[in-house]
Amino acid sequence: MKFKEALRDTFPIFISYFALSFSFGIVALKMGMEPYLIVLMSIIIYSGSLQFLLITIYKKLSLIDIFLTSFLLNFRQFFYSLTFLERYKNSFYKIFALTDETYAVLTHKKEDPKYDLYVSILNQSYWVFGTICGVVFAKMVNFELKGLDFILVCLFVVILVENFLKSKNLFPFLLGVFSFIVIYALQIPNILLFAILLALIIMIIRYKYA
């Protein structure tokens, strides 16, 4: 009964997860990654925006740079996961599998260990399934998917627009642009990493003295 309820509640997530992970599987394979590594990324990392980002930077940055970039990119999850400290107590997998979408579903439901676990497992299953389908499709269909790697840019643009529509706050967008311009003008290597760090420092200062 709980499984059917979780399946029903997560079906909309299946649609969006499958589309994104399917594209990820195709793009990652076309960029030269081994199929098994692509699927392992969806099992072990399980972070859409981070996975798309990693396939574009893993050959360009050092391991410490990749670690810091990954940490900062997903740092937002630290804050909303605090509300689940008691709910997810002593459950490593559910902590690992807590994504934005899973959190959105569970915040509207009363705590139920079985239901929470089913939602987590189903959502990750959708992501892994879509990745596998994308890899298989890219292997079977032999034609150029030119421009598909631009989906990463589209993904972040959609996130930006959605956040602005919800908050009506231009500061994060302007901060990102400002940080990039400063780091680029100073010709500092690893622009993405240092732009994120600069933006984080400015936010801390802003909220401390606001």
N, C-alpha and C. Protein backbone atom coordinates (compact mmCIF):
# COMPACT_ATOMS: atom_id res chain seq x y z
N MET A 1 0.83 -1.21 0.00
CA MET A 1 0.00 0.00 0.00
C MET A 1 0.87 1.26 0.00
N LYS A 2 1.87 1.28 0.87
CA LYS A 2 2.77 2.42 0.94
C LYS A 2 3.57 2.56 -0.36
N PHE A 3 3.93 1.40 -0.96
CA PHE A 3 4.68 1.44 -2.21
C PHE A 3 3.83 2.04 -3.33
N LYS A 4 2.57 1.65 -3.40
CA LYS A 4 1.68 2.19 -4.44
C LYS A 4 1.50 3.69 -4.26
N GLU A 5 1.38 4.12 -3.02
CA GLU A 5 1.24 5.55 -2.74
C GLU A 5 2.50 6.30 -3.17
N ALA A 6 3.66 5.74 -2.85
CA ALA A 6 4.92 6.37 -3.24
C ALA A 6 5.07 6.40 -4.76
N LEU A 7 4.66 5.33 -5.41
CA LEU A 7 4.74 5.25 -6.87
C LEU A 7 3.86 6.32 -7.51
N ARG A 8 2.68 6.49 -6.97
CA ARG A 8 1.75 7.52 -7.49
C ARG A 8 2.30 8.92 -7.27
N ASP A 9 2.84 9.16 -6.09
CA ASP A 9 3.31 10.50 -5.75
C ASP A 9 4.58 10.88 -6.50
N THR A 10 5.36 9.88 -6.90
CA THR A 10 6.63 10.18 -7.57
C THR A 10 6.55 10.09 -9.09
N PHE A 11 5.39 9.77 -9.63
CA PHE A 11 5.27 9.63 -11.09
C PHE A 11 5.65 10.91 -11.84
N PRO A 12 5.22 12.09 -11.38
CA PRO A 12 5.67 13.32 -12.06
C PRO A 12 7.19 13.48 -12.06
N ILE A 13 7.82 13.01 -10.99
CA ILE A 13 9.28 13.08 -10.91
C ILE A 13 9.91 12.13 -11.92
N PHE A 14 9.27 10.99 -12.13
CA PHE A 14 9.76 10.05 -13.13
C PHE A 14 9.87 10.71 -14.51
N ILE A 15 8.86 11.49 -14.87
CA ILE A 15 8.85 12.15 -16.18
C ILE A 15 10.05 13.08 -16.33
N SER A 16 10.25 13.93 -15.34
CA SER A 16 11.35 14.90 -15.43
C SER A 16 12.71 14.23 -15.27
N TYR A 17 12.82 13.28 -14.34
CA TYR A 17 14.08 12.58 -14.12
C TYR A 17 14.50 11.79 -15.36
N PHE A 18 13.54 11.13 -15.97
CA PHE A 18 13.87 10.31 -17.13
C PHE A 18 14.39 11.17 -18.28
N ALA A 19 13.73 12.31 -18.52
CA ALA A 19 14.16 13.19 -19.61
C ALA A 19 15.58 13.70 -19.38
N LEU A 20 15.87 14.12 -18.16
CA LEU A 20 17.20 14.66 -17.86
C LEU A 20 18.28 13.58 -17.85
N SER A 21 18.00 12.46 -17.19
CA SER A 21 19.01 11.40 -17.10
C SER A 21 19.23 10.73 -18.45
N PHE A 22 18.21 10.65 -19.27
CA PHE A 22 18.33 10.11 -20.62
C PHE A 22 19.31 10.97 -21.42
N SER A 23 19.13 12.29 -21.32
CA SER A 23 20.03 13.23 -22.00
C SER A 23 21.45 13.12 -21.44
N PHE A 24 21.54 12.96 -20.10
CA PHE A 24 22.86 12.81 -19.48
C PHE A 24 23.58 11.60 -20.02
N GLY A 25 22.89 10.47 -20.13
CA GLY A 25 23.50 9.25 -20.64
C GLY A 25 24.05 9.44 -22.05
N ILE A 26 23.28 10.13 -22.88
CA ILE A 26 23.70 10.37 -24.27
C ILE A 26 24.93 11.28 -24.31
N VAL A 27 24.83 12.42 -23.61
CA VAL A 27 25.92 13.40 -23.63
C VAL A 27 27.21 12.81 -23.07
N ALA A 28 27.12 12.09 -21.94
CA ALA A 28 28.31 11.51 -21.31
C ALA A 28 28.98 10.52 -22.24
N LEU A 29 28.21 9.69 -22.91
CA LEU A 29 28.78 8.70 -23.83
C LEU A 29 29.44 9.39 -25.02
N LYS A 30 28.78 10.41 -25.55
CA LYS A 30 29.33 11.13 -26.71
C LYS A 30 30.59 11.91 -26.34
N MET A 31 30.77 12.19 -25.05
CA MET A 31 31.97 12.90 -24.61
C MET A 31 33.10 11.95 -24.26
N GLY A 32 32.89 10.67 -24.51
CA GLY A 32 33.96 9.69 -24.39
C GLY A 32 34.01 8.90 -23.10
N MET A 33 33.03 9.01 -22.23
CA MET A 33 33.04 8.25 -20.98
C MET A 33 32.61 6.81 -21.22
N GLU A 34 33.16 5.92 -20.42
CA GLU A 34 32.78 4.51 -20.51
C GLU A 34 31.36 4.31 -19.98
N PRO A 35 30.58 3.45 -20.64
CA PRO A 35 29.18 3.23 -20.21
C PRO A 35 29.05 2.87 -18.73
N TYR A 36 29.93 1.99 -18.23
CA TYR A 36 29.80 1.57 -16.84
C TYR A 36 30.05 2.73 -15.88
N LEU A 37 30.97 3.64 -16.25
CA LEU A 37 31.23 4.81 -15.41
C LEU A 37 30.03 5.76 -15.40
N ILE A 38 29.38 5.88 -16.52
CA ILE A 38 28.21 6.76 -16.63
C ILE A 38 27.10 6.27 -15.69
N VAL A 39 26.85 4.97 -15.73
CA VAL A 39 25.81 4.40 -14.87
C VAL A 39 26.23 4.49 -13.40
N LEU A 40 27.51 4.25 -13.12
CA LEU A 40 28.01 4.35 -11.74
C LEU A 40 27.84 5.77 -11.19
N MET A 41 28.00 6.77 -12.05
CA MET A 41 27.82 8.16 -11.62
C MET A 41 26.39 8.37 -11.12
N SER A 42 25.42 7.79 -11.84
CA SER A 42 24.02 7.96 -11.43
C SER A 42 23.69 7.17 -10.18
N ILE A 43 24.45 6.10 -9.93
CA ILE A 43 24.22 5.30 -8.72
C ILE A 43 24.92 5.91 -7.51
N ILE A 44 26.17 6.34 -7.70
CA ILE A 44 26.99 6.79 -6.57
C ILE A 44 26.87 8.29 -6.31
N ILE A 45 26.84 9.09 -7.39
CA ILE A 45 26.76 10.54 -7.23
C ILE A 45 25.31 10.98 -7.10
N TYR A 46 24.47 10.56 -8.04
CA TYR A 46 23.03 10.84 -8.02
C TYR A 46 22.73 12.32 -7.76
N SER A 47 23.23 13.15 -8.67
CA SER A 47 22.99 14.59 -8.58
C SER A 47 23.00 15.15 -9.99
N GLY A 48 21.84 15.49 -10.50
CA GLY A 48 21.70 15.87 -11.90
C GLY A 48 22.63 16.97 -12.36
N SER A 49 22.53 18.13 -11.74
CA SER A 49 23.34 19.27 -12.17
C SER A 49 24.82 18.98 -12.00
N LEU A 50 25.19 18.30 -10.92
CA LEU A 50 26.60 17.98 -10.67
C LEU A 50 27.12 16.99 -11.71
N GLN A 51 26.33 16.00 -12.08
CA GLN A 51 26.77 15.02 -13.07
C GLN A 51 27.00 15.68 -14.42
N PHE A 52 26.10 16.54 -14.84
CA PHE A 52 26.28 17.26 -16.10
C PHE A 52 27.54 18.12 -16.04
N LEU A 53 27.76 18.73 -14.90
CA LEU A 53 28.93 19.58 -14.76
C LEU A 53 30.22 18.76 -14.79
N LEU A 54 30.22 17.63 -14.10
CA LEU A 54 31.43 16.81 -14.00
C LEU A 54 31.90 16.29 -15.35
N ILE A 55 30.98 15.94 -16.24
CA ILE A 55 31.42 15.39 -17.53
C ILE A 55 32.08 16.46 -18.40
N THR A 56 31.93 17.72 -18.02
CA THR A 56 32.57 18.79 -18.79
C THR A 56 33.88 19.27 -18.15
N ILE A 57 34.06 18.98 -16.85
CA ILE A 57 35.24 19.53 -16.17
C ILE A 57 36.21 18.48 -15.65
N TYR A 58 35.83 17.19 -15.66
CA TYR A 58 36.66 16.20 -14.97
C TYR A 58 38.05 16.04 -15.61
N LYS A 59 38.19 16.41 -16.87
CA LYS A 59 39.49 16.33 -17.52
C LYS A 59 40.30 17.62 -17.38
N LYS A 60 39.64 18.66 -16.89
CA LYS A 60 40.27 19.98 -16.85
C LYS A 60 40.74 20.40 -15.46
N LEU A 61 40.11 19.84 -14.42
CA LEU A 61 40.42 20.26 -13.06
C LEU A 61 41.08 19.15 -12.26
N SER A 62 41.76 19.53 -11.20
CA SER A 62 42.36 18.55 -10.30
C SER A 62 41.27 17.95 -9.41
N LEU A 63 41.62 16.89 -8.68
CA LEU A 63 40.64 16.24 -7.81
C LEU A 63 40.14 17.17 -6.71
N ILE A 64 41.05 17.98 -6.16
CA ILE A 64 40.63 18.91 -5.10
C ILE A 64 39.70 19.98 -5.66
N ASP A 65 39.96 20.43 -6.89
CA ASP A 65 39.07 21.40 -7.52
C ASP A 65 37.69 20.81 -7.76
N ILE A 66 37.67 19.57 -8.21
CA ILE A 66 36.39 18.89 -8.46
C ILE A 66 35.63 18.71 -7.16
N PHE A 67 36.36 18.34 -6.10
CA PHE A 67 35.72 18.17 -4.79
C PHE A 67 35.09 19.47 -4.30
N LEU A 68 35.84 20.56 -4.36
CA LEU A 68 35.33 21.85 -3.88
C LEU A 68 34.15 22.33 -4.73
N THR A 69 34.26 22.15 -6.04
CA THR A 69 33.17 22.55 -6.93
C THR A 69 31.91 21.75 -6.62
N SER A 70 32.06 20.45 -6.42
CA SER A 70 30.92 19.59 -6.11
C SER A 70 30.29 19.99 -4.78
N PHE A 71 31.14 20.25 -3.79
CA PHE A 71 30.66 20.62 -2.45
C PHE A 71 29.87 21.93 -2.50
N LEU A 72 30.41 22.92 -3.19
CA LEU A 72 29.76 24.22 -3.24
C LEU A 72 28.49 24.19 -4.07
N LEU A 73 28.50 23.40 -5.14
CA LEU A 73 27.31 23.32 -6.00
C LEU A 73 26.12 22.74 -5.26
N ASN A 74 26.40 21.75 -4.41
CA ASN A 74 25.30 21.08 -3.68
C ASN A 74 25.17 21.55 -2.24
N PHE A 75 25.80 22.66 -1.92
CA PHE A 75 25.81 23.15 -0.54
C PHE A 75 24.41 23.50 -0.04
N ARG A 76 23.51 23.87 -0.96
CA ARG A 76 22.15 24.25 -0.58
C ARG A 76 21.45 23.11 0.16
N GLN A 77 21.82 21.85 -0.17
CA GLN A 77 21.17 20.71 0.44
C GLN A 77 21.49 20.60 1.93
N PHE A 78 22.58 21.19 2.32
CA PHE A 78 22.95 21.18 3.74
C PHE A 78 21.88 21.86 4.58
N PHE A 79 21.32 22.95 4.06
CA PHE A 79 20.37 23.73 4.83
C PHE A 79 19.00 23.06 4.95
N TYR A 80 18.44 22.60 3.82
CA TYR A 80 17.12 22.02 3.94
C TYR A 80 17.14 20.62 4.55
N SER A 81 18.29 19.94 4.48
CA SER A 81 18.37 18.61 5.09
C SER A 81 18.38 18.68 6.62
N LEU A 82 18.70 19.86 7.16
CA LEU A 82 18.68 20.01 8.62
C LEU A 82 17.30 19.74 9.20
N THR A 83 16.26 20.03 8.41
CA THR A 83 14.89 19.81 8.89
C THR A 83 14.54 18.32 8.95
N PHE A 84 15.40 17.47 8.38
CA PHE A 84 15.14 16.03 8.35
C PHE A 84 16.07 15.26 9.29
N LEU A 85 16.73 15.95 10.19
CA LEU A 85 17.70 15.28 11.07
C LEU A 85 17.07 14.15 11.88
N GLU A 86 15.92 14.43 12.47
CA GLU A 86 15.24 13.41 13.26
C GLU A 86 14.55 12.38 12.38
N ARG A 87 13.97 12.86 11.30
CA ARG A 87 13.22 11.98 10.40
C ARG A 87 14.12 10.92 9.75
N TYR A 88 15.35 11.30 9.44
CA TYR A 88 16.28 10.40 8.76
C TYR A 88 17.35 9.84 9.69
N LYS A 89 17.11 9.89 10.98
CA LYS A 89 18.08 9.43 11.96
C LYS A 89 18.43 7.96 11.72
N ASN A 90 19.74 7.66 11.66
CA ASN A 90 20.24 6.29 11.49
C ASN A 90 19.81 5.64 10.17
N SER A 91 19.63 6.45 9.14
CA SER A 91 19.26 5.90 7.84
C SER A 91 20.18 6.50 6.78
N PHE A 92 21.33 5.86 6.57
CA PHE A 92 22.34 6.41 5.68
C PHE A 92 21.83 6.55 4.25
N TYR A 93 21.13 5.52 3.75
CA TYR A 93 20.69 5.59 2.35
C TYR A 93 19.73 6.75 2.10
N LYS A 94 18.78 6.93 3.00
CA LYS A 94 17.82 8.01 2.80
C LYS A 94 18.50 9.38 2.87
N ILE A 95 19.52 9.50 3.70
CA ILE A 95 20.30 10.74 3.75
C ILE A 95 20.99 10.96 2.41
N PHE A 96 21.62 9.91 1.90
CA PHE A 96 22.32 9.99 0.61
C PHE A 96 21.36 10.35 -0.53
N ALA A 97 20.17 9.77 -0.52
CA ALA A 97 19.24 9.90 -1.64
C ALA A 97 18.29 11.10 -1.51
N LEU A 98 18.54 11.97 -0.56
CA LEU A 98 17.67 13.13 -0.39
C LEU A 98 18.00 14.20 -1.44
N THR A 99 17.16 14.29 -2.44
CA THR A 99 17.32 15.30 -3.49
C THR A 99 16.24 16.38 -3.31
N ASP A 100 16.32 17.42 -4.13
CA ASP A 100 15.32 18.49 -4.06
C ASP A 100 13.92 17.93 -4.26
N GLU A 101 13.78 17.04 -5.26
CA GLU A 101 12.46 16.50 -5.60
C GLU A 101 11.93 15.58 -4.51
N THR A 102 12.81 14.74 -3.95
CA THR A 102 12.41 13.85 -2.86
C THR A 102 11.98 14.67 -1.64
N TYR A 103 12.74 15.69 -1.35
CA TYR A 103 12.40 16.58 -0.23
C TYR A 103 11.04 17.24 -0.45
N ALA A 104 10.78 17.67 -1.68
CA ALA A 104 9.51 18.34 -2.00
C ALA A 104 8.32 17.42 -1.76
N VAL A 105 8.49 16.13 -2.10
CA VAL A 105 7.41 15.16 -1.90
C VAL A 105 7.19 14.89 -0.41
N LEU A 106 8.27 14.66 0.31
CA LEU A 106 8.17 14.23 1.70
C LEU A 106 7.74 15.34 2.66
N THR A 107 8.01 16.60 2.31
CA THR A 107 7.61 17.69 3.20
C THR A 107 6.10 17.82 3.31
N HIS A 108 5.39 17.24 2.36
CA HIS A 108 3.93 17.31 2.37
C HIS A 108 3.30 16.05 2.97
N LYS A 109 4.15 15.15 3.49
CA LYS A 109 3.66 13.91 4.05
C LYS A 109 4.13 13.76 5.51
N LYS A 110 3.33 13.09 6.29
CA LYS A 110 3.75 12.78 7.66
C LYS A 110 4.87 11.75 7.62
N GLU A 111 5.68 11.78 8.65
CA GLU A 111 6.82 10.85 8.70
C GLU A 111 6.35 9.41 8.69
N ASP A 112 6.92 8.65 7.77
CA ASP A 112 6.62 7.23 7.65
C ASP A 112 7.86 6.55 7.06
N PRO A 113 8.62 5.81 7.87
CA PRO A 113 9.88 5.23 7.41
C PRO A 113 9.78 4.43 6.11
N LYS A 114 8.73 3.62 5.98
CA LYS A 114 8.59 2.81 4.76
C LYS A 114 8.29 3.68 3.55
N TYR A 115 7.37 4.61 3.71
CA TYR A 115 7.01 5.50 2.61
C TYR A 115 8.21 6.34 2.19
N ASP A 116 8.93 6.88 3.17
CA ASP A 116 10.11 7.70 2.89
C ASP A 116 11.15 6.90 2.10
N LEU A 117 11.35 5.64 2.50
CA LEU A 117 12.33 4.80 1.82
C LEU A 117 11.90 4.49 0.39
N TYR A 118 10.62 4.19 0.21
CA TYR A 118 10.12 3.89 -1.13
C TYR A 118 10.28 5.09 -2.07
N VAL A 119 9.99 6.27 -1.58
CA VAL A 119 10.13 7.48 -2.39
C VAL A 119 11.59 7.66 -2.81
N SER A 120 12.50 7.47 -1.87
CA SER A 120 13.94 7.62 -2.16
C SER A 120 14.41 6.61 -3.19
N ILE A 121 14.02 5.35 -2.99
CA ILE A 121 14.44 4.29 -3.91
C ILE A 121 13.85 4.50 -5.31
N LEU A 122 12.58 4.83 -5.37
CA LEU A 122 11.92 5.02 -6.66
C LEU A 122 12.56 6.17 -7.44
N ASN A 123 12.78 7.29 -6.76
CA ASN A 123 13.35 8.44 -7.45
C ASN A 123 14.75 8.15 -8.00
N GLN A 124 15.57 7.47 -7.23
CA GLN A 124 16.89 7.13 -7.75
C GLN A 124 16.79 6.10 -8.87
N SER A 125 15.85 5.19 -8.75
CA SER A 125 15.64 4.19 -9.80
C SER A 125 15.27 4.85 -11.12
N TYR A 126 14.44 5.89 -11.05
CA TYR A 126 14.07 6.62 -12.27
C TYR A 126 15.31 7.23 -12.91
N TRP A 127 16.17 7.80 -12.07
CA TRP A 127 17.37 8.47 -12.59
C TRP A 127 18.34 7.46 -13.22
N VAL A 128 18.55 6.35 -12.55
CA VAL A 128 19.46 5.33 -13.07
C VAL A 128 18.88 4.70 -14.34
N PHE A 129 17.59 4.43 -14.34
CA PHE A 129 16.93 3.84 -15.51
C PHE A 129 17.06 4.75 -16.72
N GLY A 130 16.82 6.04 -16.53
CA GLY A 130 16.94 6.99 -17.63
C GLY A 130 18.36 7.06 -18.16
N THR A 131 19.33 7.00 -17.25
CA THR A 131 20.74 7.02 -17.66
C THR A 131 21.07 5.82 -18.52
N ILE A 132 20.65 4.64 -18.09
CA ILE A 132 20.90 3.41 -18.84
C ILE A 132 20.26 3.50 -20.23
N CYS A 133 19.03 3.98 -20.28
CA CYS A 133 18.33 4.12 -21.56
C CYS A 133 19.07 5.08 -22.49
N GLY A 134 19.57 6.17 -21.92
CA GLY A 134 20.32 7.14 -22.71
C GLY A 134 21.60 6.55 -23.29
N VAL A 135 22.32 5.79 -22.47
CA VAL A 135 23.56 5.14 -22.92
C VAL A 135 23.27 4.13 -24.03
N VAL A 136 22.25 3.30 -23.82
CA VAL A 136 21.88 2.29 -24.82
C VAL A 136 21.46 2.96 -26.12
N PHE A 137 20.67 4.01 -26.01
CA PHE A 137 20.20 4.75 -27.20
C PHE A 137 21.39 5.32 -27.97
N ALA A 138 22.33 5.93 -27.27
CA ALA A 138 23.49 6.54 -27.92
C ALA A 138 24.38 5.48 -28.57
N LYS A 139 24.40 4.27 -27.99
CA LYS A 139 25.17 3.18 -28.56
C LYS A 139 24.52 2.64 -29.84
N MET A 140 23.20 2.58 -29.83
CA MET A 140 22.47 1.98 -30.94
C MET A 140 22.30 2.94 -32.11
N VAL A 141 22.07 4.21 -31.82
CA VAL A 141 21.79 5.19 -32.86
C VAL A 141 23.08 5.91 -33.23
N ASN A 142 23.55 5.68 -34.42
CA ASN A 142 24.85 6.20 -34.85
C ASN A 142 24.67 7.49 -35.66
N PHE A 143 24.47 8.59 -34.97
CA PHE A 143 24.46 9.88 -35.63
C PHE A 143 24.88 10.95 -34.64
N GLU A 144 25.30 12.07 -35.19
CA GLU A 144 25.81 13.15 -34.35
C GLU A 144 24.68 13.85 -33.61
N LEU A 145 24.84 14.00 -32.31
CA LEU A 145 23.85 14.73 -31.51
C LEU A 145 24.43 16.10 -31.18
N LYS A 146 24.74 16.82 -32.23
CA LYS A 146 25.41 18.11 -32.09
C LYS A 146 24.57 19.08 -31.28
N GLY A 147 25.20 19.69 -30.29
CA GLY A 147 24.52 20.71 -29.50
C GLY A 147 23.78 20.18 -28.29
N LEU A 148 23.70 18.85 -28.15
CA LEU A 148 22.97 18.29 -27.01
C LEU A 148 23.66 18.59 -25.69
N ASP A 149 25.00 18.78 -25.73
CA ASP A 149 25.71 19.10 -24.51
C ASP A 149 25.33 20.48 -23.97
N PHE A 150 24.63 21.26 -24.79
CA PHE A 150 24.15 22.57 -24.34
C PHE A 150 23.02 22.44 -23.33
N ILE A 151 22.56 21.20 -23.10
CA ILE A 151 21.48 20.97 -22.14
C ILE A 151 21.88 21.40 -20.74
N LEU A 152 23.19 21.35 -20.44
CA LEU A 152 23.66 21.78 -19.13
C LEU A 152 23.37 23.26 -18.92
N VAL A 153 23.66 24.06 -19.95
CA VAL A 153 23.37 25.49 -19.88
C VAL A 153 21.87 25.71 -19.71
N CYS A 154 21.09 24.98 -20.49
CA CYS A 154 19.63 25.10 -20.41
C CYS A 154 19.11 24.74 -19.02
N LEU A 155 19.70 23.70 -18.43
CA LEU A 155 19.29 23.26 -17.10
C LEU A 155 19.49 24.37 -16.08
N PHE A 156 20.66 25.01 -16.09
CA PHE A 156 20.93 26.06 -15.12
C PHE A 156 20.11 27.32 -15.40
N VAL A 157 19.80 27.58 -16.67
CA VAL A 157 18.95 28.72 -17.00
C VAL A 157 17.54 28.50 -16.46
N VAL A 158 17.04 27.28 -16.60
CA VAL A 158 15.70 26.95 -16.07
C VAL A 158 15.68 27.10 -14.55
N ILE A 159 16.72 26.60 -13.88
CA ILE A 159 16.81 26.73 -12.42
C ILE A 159 16.83 28.20 -12.02
N LEU A 160 17.61 29.00 -12.76
CA LEU A 160 17.70 30.44 -12.49
C LEU A 160 16.35 31.12 -12.63
N VAL A 161 15.66 30.84 -13.73
CA VAL A 161 14.36 31.48 -13.99
C VAL A 161 13.34 31.07 -12.94
N GLU A 162 13.32 29.76 -12.59
CA GLU A 162 12.37 29.28 -11.59
C GLU A 162 12.62 29.93 -10.23
N ASN A 163 13.88 30.05 -9.85
CA ASN A 163 14.21 30.69 -8.57
C ASN A 163 13.81 32.15 -8.55
N PHE A 164 14.02 32.84 -9.68
CA PHE A 164 13.65 34.25 -9.75
C PHE A 164 12.13 34.42 -9.68
N LEU A 165 11.39 33.55 -10.37
CA LEU A 165 9.93 33.65 -10.36
C LEU A 165 9.37 33.41 -8.96
N LYS A 166 10.06 32.56 -8.20
CA LYS A 166 9.59 32.26 -6.84
C LYS A 166 9.97 33.35 -5.85
N SER A 167 11.19 33.83 -5.97
CA SER A 167 11.69 34.77 -4.95
C SER A 167 11.61 36.23 -5.37
N LYS A 168 11.54 36.48 -6.70
CA LYS A 168 11.54 37.86 -7.23
C LYS A 168 12.78 38.62 -6.76
N ASN A 169 13.87 37.89 -6.61
CA ASN A 169 15.11 38.48 -6.09
C ASN A 169 16.21 38.35 -7.15
N LEU A 170 16.69 39.48 -7.63
CA LEU A 170 17.72 39.49 -8.67
C LEU A 170 19.14 39.38 -8.10
N PHE A 171 19.28 39.51 -6.79
CA PHE A 171 20.62 39.53 -6.19
C PHE A 171 21.46 38.30 -6.53
N PRO A 172 20.94 37.07 -6.42
CA PRO A 172 21.78 35.90 -6.74
C PRO A 172 22.29 35.93 -8.18
N PHE A 173 21.42 36.34 -9.11
CA PHE A 173 21.82 36.40 -10.51
C PHE A 173 22.92 37.44 -10.71
N LEU A 174 22.72 38.63 -10.16
CA LEU A 174 23.71 39.70 -10.30
C LEU A 174 25.02 39.34 -9.62
N LEU A 175 24.91 38.65 -8.49
CA LEU A 175 26.11 38.21 -7.76
C LEU A 175 26.92 37.23 -8.60
N GLY A 176 26.23 36.30 -9.25
CA GLY A 176 26.90 35.32 -10.09
C GLY A 176 27.62 35.99 -11.26
N VAL A 177 26.94 36.92 -11.90
CA VAL A 177 27.54 37.64 -13.03
C VAL A 177 28.75 38.45 -12.57
N PHE A 178 28.59 39.15 -11.44
CA PHE A 178 29.68 39.97 -10.90
C PHE A 178 30.90 39.12 -10.55
N SER A 179 30.66 37.99 -9.89
CA SER A 179 31.76 37.11 -9.47
C SER A 179 32.52 36.58 -10.68
N PHE A 180 31.77 36.18 -11.70
CA PHE A 180 32.41 35.66 -12.91
C PHE A 180 33.27 36.74 -13.58
N ILE A 181 32.72 37.94 -13.70
CA ILE A 181 33.45 39.04 -14.36
C ILE A 181 34.73 39.37 -13.61
N VAL A 182 34.66 39.41 -12.27
CA VAL A 182 35.84 39.72 -11.47
C VAL A 182 36.93 38.67 -11.65
N ILE A 183 36.55 37.40 -11.54
CA ILE A 183 37.54 36.32 -11.66
C ILE A 183 38.11 36.27 -13.08
N TYR A 184 37.26 36.49 -14.06
CA TYR A 184 37.71 36.48 -15.45
C TYR A 184 38.66 37.64 -15.72
N ALA A 185 38.33 38.82 -15.19
CA ALA A 185 39.17 40.01 -15.39
C ALA A 185 40.54 39.84 -14.74
N LEU A 186 40.57 39.13 -13.60
CA LEU A 186 41.84 38.90 -12.91
C LEU A 186 42.64 37.75 -13.52
N GLN A 187 42.03 37.09 -14.51
CA GLN A 187 42.67 35.97 -15.21
C GLN A 187 43.10 34.86 -14.25
N ILE A 188 42.23 34.58 -13.31
CA ILE A 188 42.49 33.50 -12.35
C ILE A 188 42.06 32.18 -12.98
N PRO A 189 42.90 31.15 -12.91
CA PRO A 189 42.50 29.85 -13.47
C PRO A 189 41.35 29.23 -12.67
N ASN A 190 40.70 28.22 -13.27
CA ASN A 190 39.54 27.57 -12.63
C ASN A 190 38.47 28.61 -12.29
N ILE A 191 38.01 29.29 -13.32
CA ILE A 191 37.06 30.39 -13.15
C ILE A 191 35.83 29.98 -12.35
N LEU A 192 35.26 28.83 -12.68
CA LEU A 192 34.03 28.40 -12.02
C LEU A 192 34.22 28.27 -10.52
N LEU A 193 35.29 27.56 -10.12
CA LEU A 193 35.55 27.32 -8.70
C LEU A 193 35.71 28.63 -7.93
N PHE A 194 36.55 29.52 -8.44
CA PHE A 194 36.83 30.75 -7.70
C PHE A 194 35.66 31.75 -7.77
N ALA A 195 34.87 31.69 -8.83
CA ALA A 195 33.68 32.54 -8.91
C ALA A 195 32.67 32.11 -7.85
N ILE A 196 32.52 30.80 -7.66
CA ILE A 196 31.62 30.28 -6.63
C ILE A 196 32.12 30.68 -5.24
N LEU A 197 33.43 30.55 -5.02
CA LEU A 197 34.00 30.93 -3.72
C LEU A 197 33.81 32.42 -3.44
N LEU A 198 34.04 33.25 -4.45
CA LEU A 198 33.86 34.69 -4.28
C LEU A 198 32.41 35.02 -3.96
N ALA A 199 31.49 34.38 -4.68
CA ALA A 199 30.06 34.62 -4.44
C ALA A 199 29.67 34.20 -3.02
N LEU A 200 30.23 33.06 -2.55
CA LEU A 200 29.94 32.57 -1.20
C LEU A 200 30.44 33.55 -0.15
N ILE A 201 31.64 34.08 -0.35
CA ILE A 201 32.20 35.05 0.60
C ILE A 201 31.35 36.31 0.67
N ILE A 202 30.93 36.80 -0.50
CA ILE A 202 30.10 38.01 -0.55
C ILE A 202 28.77 37.78 0.15
N MET A 203 28.17 36.59 -0.06
CA MET A 203 26.88 36.29 0.59
C MET A 203 27.03 36.26 2.11
N ILE A 204 28.13 35.64 2.58
CA ILE A 204 28.36 35.56 4.04
C ILE A 204 28.50 36.96 4.63
N ILE A 205 29.28 37.79 3.96
CA ILE A 205 29.48 39.18 4.43
C ILE A 205 28.16 39.94 4.40
N ARG A 206 27.41 39.77 3.33
CA ARG A 206 26.14 40.49 3.16
C ARG A 206 25.15 40.15 4.27
N TYR A 207 24.99 38.86 4.52
CA TYR A 207 24.00 38.45 5.52
C TYR A 207 24.47 38.67 6.95
N LYS A 208 25.78 38.76 7.12
CA LYS A 208 26.32 39.02 8.46
C LYS A 208 26.10 40.46 8.87
N TYR A 209 26.23 41.38 7.91
CA TYR A 209 26.13 42.80 8.22
C TYR A 209 24.84 43.45 7.72
N ALA A 210 23.93 42.64 7.21
CA ALA A 210 22.66 43.19 6.70
C ALA A 210 21.77 43.66 7.85
